[in-house]
């Protein structure tokens, strides 16, 4: 793979795709002020170099699924093999090995009632588990702020797809729906004829299904791209114990912080789980001693640096070769 540097147009295109992952090249070209051919060429360049991918994400709750965050402590030397096995599973995302070895974390989306703990405990090399159910996503649902600052408010409004006024639970979830979701998770911009072939539906049926999902708030899109391309070469996981009376204040800070790529409230020993992108390892000290220390409702903090991502939002990990200094993960 060739080294990749992002210029201003690349960043504007990435922001546009985060707003609407299936927006036609023509519509993006009109907003970005370049030709449709230029937009298509830039997208294909980033996509072919494995730098960027648009991932279709189904709202788990509206599909009858439950999201969980799992911290796994492994036997020495077992973490790489275990991470690879978890990354191959269709029900996982965000599989990351932690610095220091013998620990990894991941997210699952499973049917309600599935005994996730028992199944994971039987995997080779697993020593201990901490399983927390996600109660509500509070940051990162509309894209990480670190990569969504390239377009003006007017440009964003021109690309913004219609939003559901009153999202509803998707009552019927068939095997064909699961097939469609899997194709969109692999590539959110997959052409209609390929989606039709994968599901056995006609192209008009696939088009209607996508429109129904988006209108109901069931489907959105995430741009999967390495934060290092934006200068964030380190990543930290942060667990917070928060007094209930101050939870809203803590969530407001996380939601507005440019380095917070994801945050959610959870069950279990911690109130909040967050993923934070950093320019350097020392920035974690500043985040904890500055941004978080100013919030008296936080009664305990635990942190870990990721060593390597085995899987991001979609079913395949993207590991581009990046210009500049070597990365630690």
Protein backbone atom coordinates (compact mmCIF):
# COMPACT_ATOMS: atom_id res chain seq x y z
CA UNK A 1 0.00 0.00 0.00
CA UNK A 2 1.14 3.53 -0.77
CA UNK A 3 1.51 6.13 1.94
CA UNK A 4 -1.44 8.51 2.18
CA UNK A 5 -1.71 12.15 3.22
CA UNK A 6 -5.08 13.90 3.44
CA UNK A 7 -5.48 17.30 1.80
CA UNK A 8 -8.33 19.80 2.28
CA UNK A 9 -10.57 18.19 -0.35
CA UNK A 10 -10.04 14.72 1.15
CA UNK A 11 -11.13 16.03 4.55
CA UNK A 12 -14.17 17.73 3.08
CA UNK A 13 -15.14 14.54 1.28
CA UNK A 14 -14.74 12.49 4.47
CA UNK A 15 -16.95 14.96 6.35
CA UNK A 16 -19.56 14.78 3.57
CA UNK A 17 -19.61 10.99 3.71
CA UNK A 18 -20.05 11.09 7.48
CA UNK A 19 -23.17 13.21 6.99
CA UNK A 20 -24.65 10.89 4.37
CA UNK A 21 -22.67 7.76 3.58
CA UNK A 22 -24.77 6.93 0.51
CA UNK A 23 -24.97 10.43 -0.93
CA UNK A 24 -24.49 10.35 -4.73
CA UNK A 25 -21.19 11.70 -6.00
CA UNK A 26 -23.10 14.37 -7.95
CA UNK A 27 -24.73 15.78 -4.81
CA UNK A 28 -21.42 15.81 -2.92
CA UNK A 29 -19.71 17.45 -5.91
CA UNK A 30 -22.27 20.27 -5.96
CA UNK A 31 -21.65 20.99 -2.27
CA UNK A 32 -17.86 20.60 -2.41
CA UNK A 33 -17.54 22.81 -5.49
CA UNK A 34 -15.70 20.30 -7.68
CA UNK A 35 -16.66 17.97 -10.50
CA UNK A 36 -18.45 14.68 -9.97
CA UNK A 37 -15.49 12.92 -11.58
CA UNK A 38 -13.10 14.51 -9.07
CA UNK A 39 -15.22 13.34 -6.12
CA UNK A 40 -15.46 9.81 -7.51
CA UNK A 41 -11.72 9.70 -8.16
CA UNK A 42 -10.86 10.94 -4.65
CA UNK A 43 -13.22 8.44 -3.05
CA UNK A 44 -11.86 5.53 -5.08
CA UNK A 45 -8.28 6.53 -4.22
CA UNK A 46 -8.98 6.50 -0.49
CA UNK A 47 -11.06 3.33 -0.72
CA UNK A 48 -8.56 1.38 -2.84
CA UNK A 49 -5.69 2.29 -0.50
CA UNK A 50 -7.73 0.87 2.41
CA UNK A 51 -7.73 4.29 4.08
CA UNK A 52 -11.48 4.84 4.12
CA UNK A 53 -14.64 2.79 4.21
CA UNK A 54 -18.27 3.73 4.70
CA UNK A 55 -19.90 1.32 7.14
CA UNK A 56 -23.65 0.87 7.37
CA UNK A 57 -24.76 0.55 11.00
CA UNK A 58 -28.10 -0.78 12.16
CA UNK A 59 -29.46 0.65 15.40
CA UNK A 60 -29.24 -2.41 17.62
CA UNK A 61 -32.14 -1.50 19.87
CA UNK A 62 -34.51 -1.01 16.95
CA UNK A 63 -33.40 -4.34 15.51
CA UNK A 64 -34.05 -6.11 18.81
CA UNK A 65 -30.35 -6.43 19.70
CA UNK A 66 -28.37 -5.56 22.83
CA UNK A 67 -24.97 -3.81 22.75
CA UNK A 68 -22.32 -4.72 25.30
CA UNK A 69 -18.73 -3.71 26.04
CA UNK A 70 -16.49 -6.56 27.18
CA UNK A 71 -13.08 -6.30 28.83
CA UNK A 72 -11.23 -9.62 28.62
CA UNK A 73 -8.16 -10.58 30.61
CA UNK A 74 -6.24 -13.34 28.86
CA UNK A 75 -3.59 -15.89 29.59
CA UNK A 76 -0.09 -14.57 28.69
CA UNK A 77 0.44 -14.80 24.94
CA UNK A 78 -3.22 -15.60 24.17
CA UNK A 79 -4.43 -12.08 23.32
CA UNK A 80 -3.44 -11.99 19.63
CA UNK A 81 -5.11 -15.29 18.78
CA UNK A 82 -8.19 -14.42 20.80
CA UNK A 83 -8.49 -10.98 19.18
CA UNK A 84 -8.27 -12.55 15.73
CA UNK A 85 -11.02 -15.03 16.61
CA UNK A 86 -13.28 -12.29 17.97
CA UNK A 87 -12.67 -10.08 14.94
CA UNK A 88 -13.97 -12.84 12.65
CA UNK A 89 -17.29 -12.98 14.47
CA UNK A 90 -20.21 -11.13 12.85
CA UNK A 91 -21.53 -9.94 16.23
CA UNK A 92 -18.39 -7.99 17.24
CA UNK A 93 -16.95 -4.56 16.55
CA UNK A 94 -14.16 -2.38 17.94
CA UNK A 95 -11.88 -5.27 18.91
CA UNK A 96 -8.73 -3.74 20.43
CA UNK A 97 -5.67 -5.20 22.13
CA UNK A 98 -4.52 -3.13 25.10
CA UNK A 99 -1.01 -1.93 25.83
CA UNK A 100 0.81 -4.08 28.35
CA UNK A 101 -0.49 -7.33 26.89
CA UNK A 102 -2.92 -10.00 28.05
CA UNK A 103 -5.98 -7.73 27.81
CA UNK A 104 -8.39 -6.76 25.06
CA UNK A 105 -11.77 -5.12 24.74
CA UNK A 106 -14.55 -5.36 22.20
CA UNK A 107 -18.19 -4.58 21.59
CA UNK A 108 -20.94 -7.10 20.88
CA UNK A 109 -24.42 -6.77 19.41
CA UNK A 110 -26.44 -9.86 20.33
CA UNK A 111 -30.05 -10.93 20.63
CA UNK A 112 -31.67 -10.24 23.97
CA UNK A 113 -31.34 -13.19 26.31
CA UNK A 114 -28.05 -14.49 24.87
CA UNK A 115 -25.69 -15.62 27.63
CA UNK A 116 -22.63 -13.84 26.32
CA UNK A 117 -20.55 -14.37 29.46
CA UNK A 118 -20.78 -18.15 29.43
CA UNK A 119 -19.84 -18.41 25.76
CA UNK A 120 -16.85 -16.11 26.06
CA UNK A 121 -15.59 -17.76 29.24
CA UNK A 122 -15.16 -21.01 27.31
CA UNK A 123 -12.90 -19.48 24.67
CA UNK A 124 -9.24 -20.60 24.84
CA UNK A 125 -7.05 -18.20 26.79
CA UNK A 126 -9.83 -16.28 28.57
CA UNK A 127 -9.00 -15.72 32.25
CA UNK A 128 -11.57 -13.13 33.35
CA UNK A 129 -14.41 -11.02 31.90
CA UNK A 130 -16.13 -7.75 32.67
CA UNK A 131 -19.34 -7.44 30.67
CA UNK A 132 -21.26 -4.14 30.65
CA UNK A 133 -24.49 -3.51 28.76
CA UNK A 134 -24.65 -0.21 26.90
CA UNK A 135 -27.61 1.83 28.10
CA UNK A 136 -27.28 4.83 25.81
CA UNK A 137 -24.78 6.13 23.28
CA UNK A 138 -23.86 9.68 24.27
CA UNK A 139 -20.99 10.68 21.94
CA UNK A 140 -19.73 9.60 18.54
CA UNK A 141 -23.11 8.61 17.11
CA UNK A 142 -22.91 11.35 14.46
CA UNK A 143 -19.23 10.84 13.77
CA UNK A 144 -16.14 11.74 15.72
CA UNK A 145 -15.74 15.52 15.93
CA UNK A 146 -12.05 15.24 15.03
CA UNK A 147 -12.98 14.46 11.44
CA UNK A 148 -16.21 16.46 11.08
CA UNK A 149 -15.01 20.04 11.00
CA UNK A 150 -14.21 20.52 7.32
CA UNK A 151 -17.60 21.75 6.06
CA UNK A 152 -19.52 24.91 6.87
CA UNK A 153 -22.92 24.76 8.54
CA UNK A 154 -24.58 25.58 5.21
CA UNK A 155 -22.70 22.80 3.41
CA UNK A 156 -23.63 20.31 6.12
CA UNK A 157 -27.30 21.29 5.86
CA UNK A 158 -27.22 20.75 2.09
CA UNK A 159 -26.01 17.18 2.57
CA UNK A 160 -27.99 16.27 5.67
CA UNK A 161 -30.51 13.51 4.86
CA UNK A 162 -34.06 13.69 6.28
CA UNK A 163 -34.12 12.79 9.95
CA UNK A 164 -36.86 10.62 11.48
CA UNK A 165 -39.37 12.65 13.46
CA UNK A 166 -40.41 9.73 15.63
CA UNK A 167 -38.12 6.68 15.29
CA UNK A 168 -39.88 3.37 15.73
CA UNK A 169 -38.76 -0.14 16.54
CA UNK A 170 -38.22 -2.29 13.48
CA UNK A 171 -40.78 -4.95 14.33
CA UNK A 172 -39.85 -7.47 11.65
CA UNK A 173 -36.24 -8.62 11.23
CA UNK A 174 -35.81 -11.42 8.71
CA UNK A 175 -32.81 -13.35 7.41
CA UNK A 176 -32.88 -11.13 4.33
CA UNK A 177 -32.69 -8.08 6.56
CA UNK A 178 -29.65 -9.60 8.26
CA UNK A 179 -28.06 -10.26 4.85
CA UNK A 180 -28.70 -6.67 3.80
CA UNK A 181 -27.23 -5.33 7.05
CA UNK A 182 -24.14 -7.52 6.61
CA UNK A 183 -23.53 -6.19 3.09
CA UNK A 184 -23.88 -2.59 4.25
CA UNK A 185 -21.53 -3.25 7.18
CA UNK A 186 -18.89 -4.43 4.72
CA UNK A 187 -19.43 -1.42 2.43
CA UNK A 188 -22.17 1.11 3.07
CA UNK A 189 -21.97 2.31 -0.54
CA UNK A 190 -22.53 -1.11 -2.13
CA UNK A 191 -24.54 -0.73 -5.33
CA UNK A 192 -28.23 -1.67 -5.36
CA UNK A 193 -27.77 -4.55 -7.79
CA UNK A 194 -25.20 -6.16 -5.48
CA UNK A 195 -27.46 -5.69 -2.47
CA UNK A 196 -30.30 -7.27 -4.42
CA UNK A 197 -28.14 -10.25 -5.36
CA UNK A 198 -27.08 -10.76 -1.74
CA UNK A 199 -30.61 -10.64 -0.35
CA UNK A 200 -32.68 -12.21 -3.13
CA UNK A 201 -34.85 -9.08 -3.26
CA UNK A 202 -35.39 -6.96 -6.35
CA UNK A 203 -33.60 -3.62 -6.63
CA UNK A 204 -36.84 -1.64 -6.02
CA UNK A 205 -37.46 -3.73 -2.87
CA UNK A 206 -33.94 -3.05 -1.59
CA UNK A 207 -34.38 0.66 -2.31
CA UNK A 208 -37.66 0.73 -0.39
CA UNK A 209 -36.15 -1.23 2.50
CA UNK A 210 -33.24 1.19 2.79
CA UNK A 211 -35.63 4.14 2.69
CA UNK A 212 -37.78 2.55 5.41
CA UNK A 213 -34.79 1.85 7.63
CA UNK A 214 -33.44 5.38 7.28
CA UNK A 215 -36.83 7.01 7.81
CA UNK A 216 -37.31 4.95 10.98
CA UNK A 217 -33.84 5.78 12.28
CA UNK A 218 -32.79 2.14 12.02
CA UNK A 219 -29.84 2.70 9.66
CA UNK A 220 -27.04 5.24 9.64
CA UNK A 221 -23.50 5.34 8.31
CA UNK A 222 -20.06 5.69 9.84
CA UNK A 223 -16.86 6.66 8.04
CA UNK A 224 -14.21 4.19 9.14
CA UNK A 225 -10.80 5.82 8.92
CA UNK A 226 -7.66 5.70 11.02
CA UNK A 227 -7.49 8.73 13.37
CA UNK A 228 -3.72 8.86 12.76
CA UNK A 229 -4.48 10.45 9.39
CA UNK A 230 -5.84 13.43 11.34
CA UNK A 231 -2.82 13.56 13.66
CA UNK A 232 -4.29 11.41 16.45
CA UNK A 233 -1.74 8.61 16.73
CA UNK A 234 -2.70 7.20 20.12
CA UNK A 235 -5.97 5.91 21.49
CA UNK A 236 -7.14 5.47 25.07
CA UNK A 237 -10.05 3.68 26.66
CA UNK A 238 -11.54 5.42 29.69
CA UNK A 239 -13.91 4.02 32.30
CA UNK A 240 -15.60 6.45 34.68
CA UNK A 241 -17.51 5.98 37.92
CA UNK A 242 -19.87 8.95 38.22
CA UNK A 243 -22.25 10.10 40.94
CA UNK A 244 -25.78 10.10 39.44
CA UNK A 245 -26.45 13.75 40.27
CA UNK A 246 -23.50 14.86 38.15
CA UNK A 247 -23.87 12.42 35.26
CA UNK A 248 -25.46 14.96 32.90
CA UNK A 249 -22.53 17.37 33.37
CA UNK A 250 -19.97 14.65 32.68
CA UNK A 251 -21.78 13.52 29.54
CA UNK A 252 -21.99 17.10 28.27
CA UNK A 253 -18.20 17.47 28.55
CA UNK A 254 -17.56 14.17 26.77
CA UNK A 255 -20.08 14.99 24.04
CA UNK A 256 -18.39 18.30 23.28
CA UNK A 257 -14.74 17.22 23.55
CA UNK A 258 -12.95 17.01 20.15
CA UNK A 259 -10.90 13.98 21.21
CA UNK A 260 -13.79 11.82 22.36
CA UNK A 261 -14.63 9.48 19.50
CA UNK A 262 -17.20 7.44 21.42
CA UNK A 263 -18.92 7.42 24.80
CA UNK A 264 -21.81 5.52 26.33
CA UNK A 265 -23.45 4.96 29.68
CA UNK A 266 -23.29 1.34 30.84
CA UNK A 267 -24.30 -1.14 33.48
CA UNK A 268 -21.72 -2.78 35.72
CA UNK A 269 -18.94 -1.32 37.86
CA UNK A 270 -18.55 1.78 35.66
CA UNK A 271 -21.09 4.43 34.75
CA UNK A 272 -19.47 5.54 31.49
CA UNK A 273 -17.17 4.01 28.88
CA UNK A 274 -15.34 6.26 26.38
CA UNK A 275 -12.82 6.01 23.56
CA UNK A 276 -10.48 9.00 23.31
CA UNK A 277 -8.18 9.86 20.40
CA UNK A 278 -4.86 11.50 21.34
CA UNK A 279 -2.00 13.17 19.50
CA UNK A 280 0.52 11.69 21.95
CA UNK A 281 0.52 9.43 25.00
CA UNK A 282 1.07 12.39 27.33
CA UNK A 283 -2.24 13.89 26.20
CA UNK A 284 -4.01 11.26 28.28
CA UNK A 285 -2.50 12.87 31.39
CA UNK A 286 -3.87 16.25 30.30
CA UNK A 287 -7.30 14.77 29.60
CA UNK A 288 -7.52 13.09 33.01
CA UNK A 289 -5.90 15.84 35.09
CA UNK A 290 -7.61 18.69 33.27
CA UNK A 291 -10.90 17.94 31.51
CA UNK A 292 -12.01 15.17 33.86
CA UNK A 293 -10.50 16.48 37.11
CA UNK A 294 -12.71 19.56 36.81
CA UNK A 295 -15.81 17.37 37.17
CA UNK A 296 -16.43 16.61 40.87
CA UNK A 297 -19.07 13.98 40.09
CA UNK A 298 -16.38 11.60 38.80
CA UNK A 299 -15.38 9.43 41.73
CA UNK A 300 -13.05 6.98 39.98
CA UNK A 301 -11.20 6.76 36.66
CA UNK A 302 -9.56 3.80 34.96
CA UNK A 303 -7.64 4.07 31.68
CA UNK A 304 -5.82 1.91 29.16
CA UNK A 305 -3.98 2.61 25.92
CA UNK A 306 -4.80 0.48 22.90
CA UNK A 307 -1.90 -1.37 21.32
CA UNK A 308 -3.63 -2.32 18.10
CA UNK A 309 -7.12 -2.44 16.63
CA UNK A 310 -8.02 -5.87 15.31
CA UNK A 311 -11.40 -4.62 14.12
CA UNK A 312 -13.11 -1.29 13.75
CA UNK A 313 -16.78 -0.57 12.98
CA UNK A 314 -17.16 -3.01 10.09
CA UNK A 315 -16.32 -6.67 9.58
CA UNK A 316 -12.75 -6.07 8.37
CA UNK A 317 -9.91 -4.15 9.99
CA UNK A 318 -8.35 -1.30 8.02
CA UNK A 319 -4.63 -0.86 8.59
CA UNK A 320 -3.32 1.77 6.14
CA UNK A 321 0.31 2.65 5.80
CA UNK A 322 0.55 6.25 6.93
CA UNK A 323 3.08 8.93 6.12
CA UNK A 324 5.05 10.36 9.01
CA UNK A 325 6.46 8.93 12.27
CA UNK A 326 5.84 5.33 13.17
CA UNK A 327 2.78 4.65 15.26
CA UNK A 328 2.74 2.66 18.49
CA UNK A 329 -0.36 0.66 17.60
